N, C-alpha and C. Protein backbone atom coordinates (compact mmCIF):
# COMPACT_ATOMS: atom_id res chain seq x y z
N MET A 1 62.43 -26.65 -76.20
CA MET A 1 62.22 -27.61 -75.91
C MET A 1 61.45 -28.09 -77.23
N LYS A 2 62.68 -29.37 -78.52
CA LYS A 2 61.92 -29.31 -79.65
C LYS A 2 61.72 -30.97 -79.81
N THR A 3 61.05 -31.51 -78.74
CA THR A 3 60.39 -32.63 -78.62
C THR A 3 58.41 -32.42 -78.78
N LYS A 4 58.19 -33.35 -79.79
CA LYS A 4 56.69 -33.22 -80.26
C LYS A 4 56.18 -34.50 -78.95
N ILE A 5 55.24 -33.97 -78.55
CA ILE A 5 53.97 -34.32 -78.21
C ILE A 5 52.65 -35.67 -78.73
N LYS A 6 52.89 -36.44 -78.25
CA LYS A 6 52.64 -37.59 -78.63
C LYS A 6 51.11 -37.74 -77.93
N TYR A 7 50.13 -37.23 -78.38
CA TYR A 7 49.05 -38.02 -78.03
C TYR A 7 47.83 -39.12 -77.76
N THR A 8 48.00 -39.52 -76.58
CA THR A 8 46.70 -40.79 -77.49
C THR A 8 45.16 -40.51 -76.96
N LYS A 9 44.50 -41.94 -76.83
CA LYS A 9 43.46 -41.37 -76.86
C LYS A 9 42.56 -42.36 -75.54
N GLU A 10 43.71 -42.02 -74.61
CA GLU A 10 43.26 -42.95 -73.48
C GLU A 10 41.67 -41.73 -72.55
N PRO A 11 41.54 -42.61 -71.88
CA PRO A 11 39.59 -42.01 -71.50
C PRO A 11 41.13 -41.18 -70.07
N ILE A 12 40.19 -40.65 -69.72
CA ILE A 12 40.91 -39.46 -68.77
C ILE A 12 39.41 -39.32 -67.82
N GLU A 13 40.00 -39.48 -66.35
CA GLU A 13 39.46 -39.28 -65.37
C GLU A 13 39.35 -38.27 -64.50
N ALA A 14 38.44 -37.37 -64.40
CA ALA A 14 38.53 -36.31 -63.86
C ALA A 14 37.02 -36.52 -62.90
N LYS A 15 37.51 -35.31 -61.65
CA LYS A 15 36.42 -35.57 -60.24
C LYS A 15 36.44 -34.21 -60.67
N VAL A 16 35.24 -33.32 -60.51
CA VAL A 16 35.02 -32.04 -59.76
C VAL A 16 34.83 -31.95 -58.55
N ILE A 17 35.48 -30.61 -58.44
CA ILE A 17 35.27 -30.33 -56.73
C ILE A 17 34.93 -28.77 -56.64
N MET A 18 33.80 -28.32 -55.55
CA MET A 18 33.16 -28.12 -55.72
C MET A 18 34.19 -26.30 -55.04
N ASP A 19 34.03 -25.35 -55.76
CA ASP A 19 35.49 -24.68 -55.60
C ASP A 19 34.73 -23.35 -54.17
N PHE A 20 34.63 -23.28 -52.94
CA PHE A 20 34.23 -22.80 -52.12
C PHE A 20 34.81 -21.89 -51.39
N LEU A 21 36.33 -21.51 -51.85
CA LEU A 21 36.90 -20.22 -51.01
C LEU A 21 37.08 -19.40 -52.02
N PRO A 22 37.28 -18.91 -52.00
CA PRO A 22 37.04 -17.04 -52.55
C PRO A 22 37.81 -16.40 -53.01
N PRO A 23 38.03 -15.32 -54.44
CA PRO A 23 39.72 -15.18 -55.09
C PRO A 23 39.84 -13.96 -54.25
N PRO A 24 41.68 -13.98 -54.28
CA PRO A 24 41.95 -13.70 -52.91
C PRO A 24 41.30 -11.86 -53.24
N GLU A 25 40.92 -11.47 -54.03
CA GLU A 25 40.27 -9.91 -53.91
C GLU A 25 38.72 -10.23 -53.48
N GLU A 26 38.52 -10.91 -53.02
CA GLU A 26 37.61 -10.67 -52.60
C GLU A 26 37.19 -11.25 -50.79
N LEU A 27 38.18 -11.00 -50.21
CA LEU A 27 38.78 -11.20 -48.89
C LEU A 27 38.88 -9.80 -48.82
N ALA A 28 38.56 -8.54 -48.55
CA ALA A 28 39.36 -7.18 -48.41
C ALA A 28 38.13 -6.52 -47.57
N PHE A 29 37.21 -7.15 -47.55
CA PHE A 29 36.10 -6.63 -47.26
C PHE A 29 35.80 -6.28 -45.90
N ARG A 30 35.14 -5.60 -44.49
CA ARG A 30 34.76 -4.97 -43.60
C ARG A 30 34.75 -5.77 -42.71
N GLU A 31 34.10 -6.20 -41.19
CA GLU A 31 33.39 -6.78 -40.88
C GLU A 31 33.90 -7.25 -39.03
N GLU A 32 33.23 -7.05 -38.32
CA GLU A 32 33.51 -7.09 -36.99
C GLU A 32 33.77 -7.64 -36.11
N GLY A 33 34.54 -8.11 -35.36
CA GLY A 33 35.39 -9.12 -35.41
C GLY A 33 35.83 -9.33 -33.43
N VAL A 34 36.14 -10.36 -33.78
CA VAL A 34 35.88 -10.92 -32.00
C VAL A 34 37.72 -11.08 -32.21
N LYS A 35 39.06 -10.90 -31.12
CA LYS A 35 40.05 -10.37 -30.99
C LYS A 35 40.80 -12.34 -30.29
N VAL A 36 41.23 -13.03 -31.49
CA VAL A 36 41.89 -14.37 -31.03
C VAL A 36 43.63 -14.61 -31.01
N THR A 37 43.97 -15.06 -30.65
CA THR A 37 45.60 -15.37 -30.54
C THR A 37 45.61 -16.74 -31.31
N LEU A 38 46.10 -16.39 -32.90
CA LEU A 38 46.45 -17.48 -33.67
C LEU A 38 47.63 -17.56 -34.02
N ALA A 39 48.24 -19.25 -34.27
CA ALA A 39 49.94 -18.51 -34.56
C ALA A 39 49.89 -19.32 -36.29
N LEU A 40 49.80 -19.24 -36.85
CA LEU A 40 50.09 -19.20 -38.50
C LEU A 40 51.18 -19.59 -39.39
N SER A 41 51.84 -20.75 -40.31
CA SER A 41 52.91 -20.22 -40.81
C SER A 41 53.19 -19.11 -41.45
N LYS A 42 54.76 -19.09 -41.41
CA LYS A 42 54.91 -18.07 -42.01
C LYS A 42 54.75 -18.14 -43.34
N LYS A 43 54.83 -19.65 -44.60
CA LYS A 43 54.22 -19.05 -45.98
C LYS A 43 52.88 -18.47 -45.86
N SER A 44 51.87 -18.76 -44.94
CA SER A 44 50.36 -18.36 -45.15
C SER A 44 50.91 -16.88 -45.09
N VAL A 45 51.10 -16.51 -43.51
CA VAL A 45 51.31 -15.10 -43.80
C VAL A 45 51.69 -14.76 -44.46
N ASP A 46 53.08 -14.95 -44.85
CA ASP A 46 53.75 -13.56 -46.26
C ASP A 46 52.38 -13.97 -47.74
N PHE A 47 52.13 -15.10 -47.88
CA PHE A 47 51.10 -15.15 -48.67
C PHE A 47 50.07 -14.21 -48.81
N PHE A 48 49.16 -13.97 -47.69
CA PHE A 48 48.50 -13.00 -47.48
C PHE A 48 48.53 -11.43 -47.01
N LYS A 49 49.72 -11.45 -47.26
CA LYS A 49 50.56 -10.10 -46.45
C LYS A 49 50.64 -9.46 -47.88
N SER A 50 51.40 -10.81 -49.08
CA SER A 50 51.82 -10.26 -50.34
C SER A 50 49.99 -10.11 -51.46
N GLU A 51 49.51 -10.85 -51.08
CA GLU A 51 47.79 -10.18 -51.50
C GLU A 51 46.93 -9.07 -51.03
N ALA A 52 46.98 -9.26 -49.84
CA ALA A 52 46.76 -7.34 -49.69
C ALA A 52 47.30 -5.92 -49.48
N SER A 53 48.60 -6.95 -50.13
CA SER A 53 49.58 -5.18 -50.75
C SER A 53 49.05 -5.52 -51.88
N LYS A 54 48.47 -6.17 -52.94
CA LYS A 54 48.40 -5.53 -53.92
C LYS A 54 46.74 -5.37 -54.56
N HIS A 55 46.26 -5.60 -53.22
CA HIS A 55 44.95 -4.91 -53.71
C HIS A 55 44.61 -3.91 -52.35
N HIS A 56 45.24 -3.42 -51.51
CA HIS A 56 45.76 -2.37 -51.00
C HIS A 56 44.95 -2.68 -49.53
N THR A 57 44.99 -3.49 -49.20
CA THR A 57 44.06 -3.67 -47.69
C THR A 57 44.79 -4.47 -46.66
N GLN A 58 44.52 -4.81 -45.27
CA GLN A 58 45.05 -5.59 -44.57
C GLN A 58 44.88 -6.81 -44.15
N TYR A 59 46.20 -7.28 -44.47
CA TYR A 59 45.87 -9.19 -44.00
C TYR A 59 45.20 -9.76 -43.23
N GLN A 60 45.05 -9.36 -42.48
CA GLN A 60 44.35 -9.92 -41.17
C GLN A 60 42.63 -10.18 -41.72
N ARG A 61 42.51 -8.71 -42.44
CA ARG A 61 41.01 -8.62 -42.67
C ARG A 61 40.87 -9.86 -43.76
N MET A 62 42.08 -9.73 -44.57
CA MET A 62 41.32 -11.13 -45.79
C MET A 62 41.95 -12.55 -45.11
N ILE A 63 42.06 -13.10 -43.93
CA ILE A 63 42.42 -14.12 -43.25
C ILE A 63 41.26 -14.53 -42.48
N ARG A 64 39.96 -12.89 -41.95
CA ARG A 64 38.93 -13.34 -41.55
C ARG A 64 37.89 -13.55 -42.65
N LYS A 65 37.92 -13.23 -43.83
CA LYS A 65 37.26 -13.33 -44.50
C LYS A 65 37.64 -14.39 -44.78
N LEU A 66 38.24 -15.16 -45.50
CA LEU A 66 38.65 -16.45 -45.69
C LEU A 66 37.72 -18.07 -44.48
N ILE A 67 37.86 -17.31 -43.51
CA ILE A 67 37.12 -18.27 -42.41
C ILE A 67 36.61 -18.22 -42.57
N ASP A 68 35.56 -16.63 -42.70
CA ASP A 68 34.18 -16.79 -42.76
C ASP A 68 33.39 -17.53 -43.79
N THR A 69 34.15 -17.46 -44.85
CA THR A 69 33.84 -18.28 -46.62
C THR A 69 33.40 -19.24 -45.50
N TYR A 70 34.53 -20.47 -45.20
CA TYR A 70 34.26 -21.64 -44.65
C TYR A 70 33.65 -22.17 -44.36
N VAL A 71 33.11 -20.84 -43.11
CA VAL A 71 32.00 -21.10 -41.96
C VAL A 71 31.24 -21.36 -42.62
N GLU A 72 30.28 -20.21 -44.17
CA GLU A 72 29.27 -20.15 -44.30
C GLU A 72 28.96 -21.53 -45.39
N SER A 73 30.35 -21.67 -45.82
CA SER A 73 29.85 -23.05 -46.04
C SER A 73 29.08 -24.12 -45.98
N TYR A 74 29.93 -24.86 -44.84
CA TYR A 74 29.91 -25.79 -43.55
C TYR A 74 28.77 -25.57 -42.38
N ALA A 75 28.45 -24.08 -42.20
CA ALA A 75 27.09 -24.21 -41.10
C ALA A 75 25.89 -24.88 -41.39
N GLU A 76 25.58 -24.84 -40.22
CA GLU A 76 23.96 -25.29 -40.59
C GLU A 76 23.65 -24.14 -40.44
N PRO A 77 22.56 -24.07 -41.08
CA PRO A 77 21.16 -23.03 -41.01
C PRO A 77 20.71 -22.53 -39.98
N LEU A 78 20.50 -21.57 -38.87
CA LEU A 78 19.69 -21.05 -38.74
C LEU A 78 18.10 -21.78 -38.34
N THR A 79 17.63 -21.56 -39.52
CA THR A 79 16.22 -22.17 -39.40
C THR A 79 16.34 -23.40 -39.41
N SER A 80 17.31 -24.35 -39.47
CA SER A 80 17.25 -26.10 -39.06
C SER A 80 16.68 -25.81 -37.70
N ARG A 81 16.86 -26.20 -37.15
CA ARG A 81 16.14 -25.70 -35.23
C ARG A 81 15.14 -25.78 -34.92
N PRO A 82 14.24 -27.19 -34.31
CA PRO A 82 12.82 -27.30 -34.31
C PRO A 82 12.66 -26.15 -33.75
N SER A 83 10.91 -26.00 -34.17
CA SER A 83 10.90 -24.67 -33.29
C SER A 83 10.72 -24.66 -32.52
N GLY A 84 9.96 -25.71 -31.71
CA GLY A 84 9.81 -25.53 -30.16
C GLY A 84 11.10 -25.59 -28.90
N THR A 85 12.67 -25.88 -29.89
CA THR A 85 13.73 -25.42 -29.06
C THR A 85 13.68 -24.76 -28.50
N PRO A 86 13.82 -24.59 -26.63
CA PRO A 86 14.09 -23.04 -26.55
C PRO A 86 15.86 -22.63 -26.71
N GLN A 87 16.32 -21.55 -26.78
CA GLN A 87 17.33 -20.73 -27.18
C GLN A 87 17.98 -20.72 -25.80
N LYS A 88 18.96 -20.67 -26.06
CA LYS A 88 20.40 -20.59 -24.54
C LYS A 88 20.08 -18.66 -24.14
N ARG A 89 20.10 -18.43 -23.08
CA ARG A 89 20.33 -17.35 -22.36
C ARG A 89 20.64 -16.01 -23.35
N GLY A 90 20.79 -14.50 -23.52
CA GLY A 90 21.77 -14.03 -24.52
C GLY A 90 21.75 -14.07 -25.64
N VAL A 91 20.90 -15.52 -26.50
CA VAL A 91 21.39 -15.45 -27.77
C VAL A 91 19.75 -15.10 -28.25
N PRO A 92 19.87 -13.83 -29.10
CA PRO A 92 18.91 -13.60 -29.91
C PRO A 92 18.11 -14.28 -30.38
């Protein structure tokens, strides 16, 4: 490609989006889990299997960590509940 790039002084419109997802290497930690049945796309599973093999971990663990991180980003803190509200039975 020998074509020269022509630069202009046009304004750049940029929007900053908060990056709340961790990189794949941070998705390799172990936590207690509950078994569920979930159908995922082949593309997604292949990606996680590939990344898991690079980081010597299980792809299911990486998917679990990704979902946990999403929940932590959007979940309301437990302290936001009014102090006089009773809790459901069995909930600590």
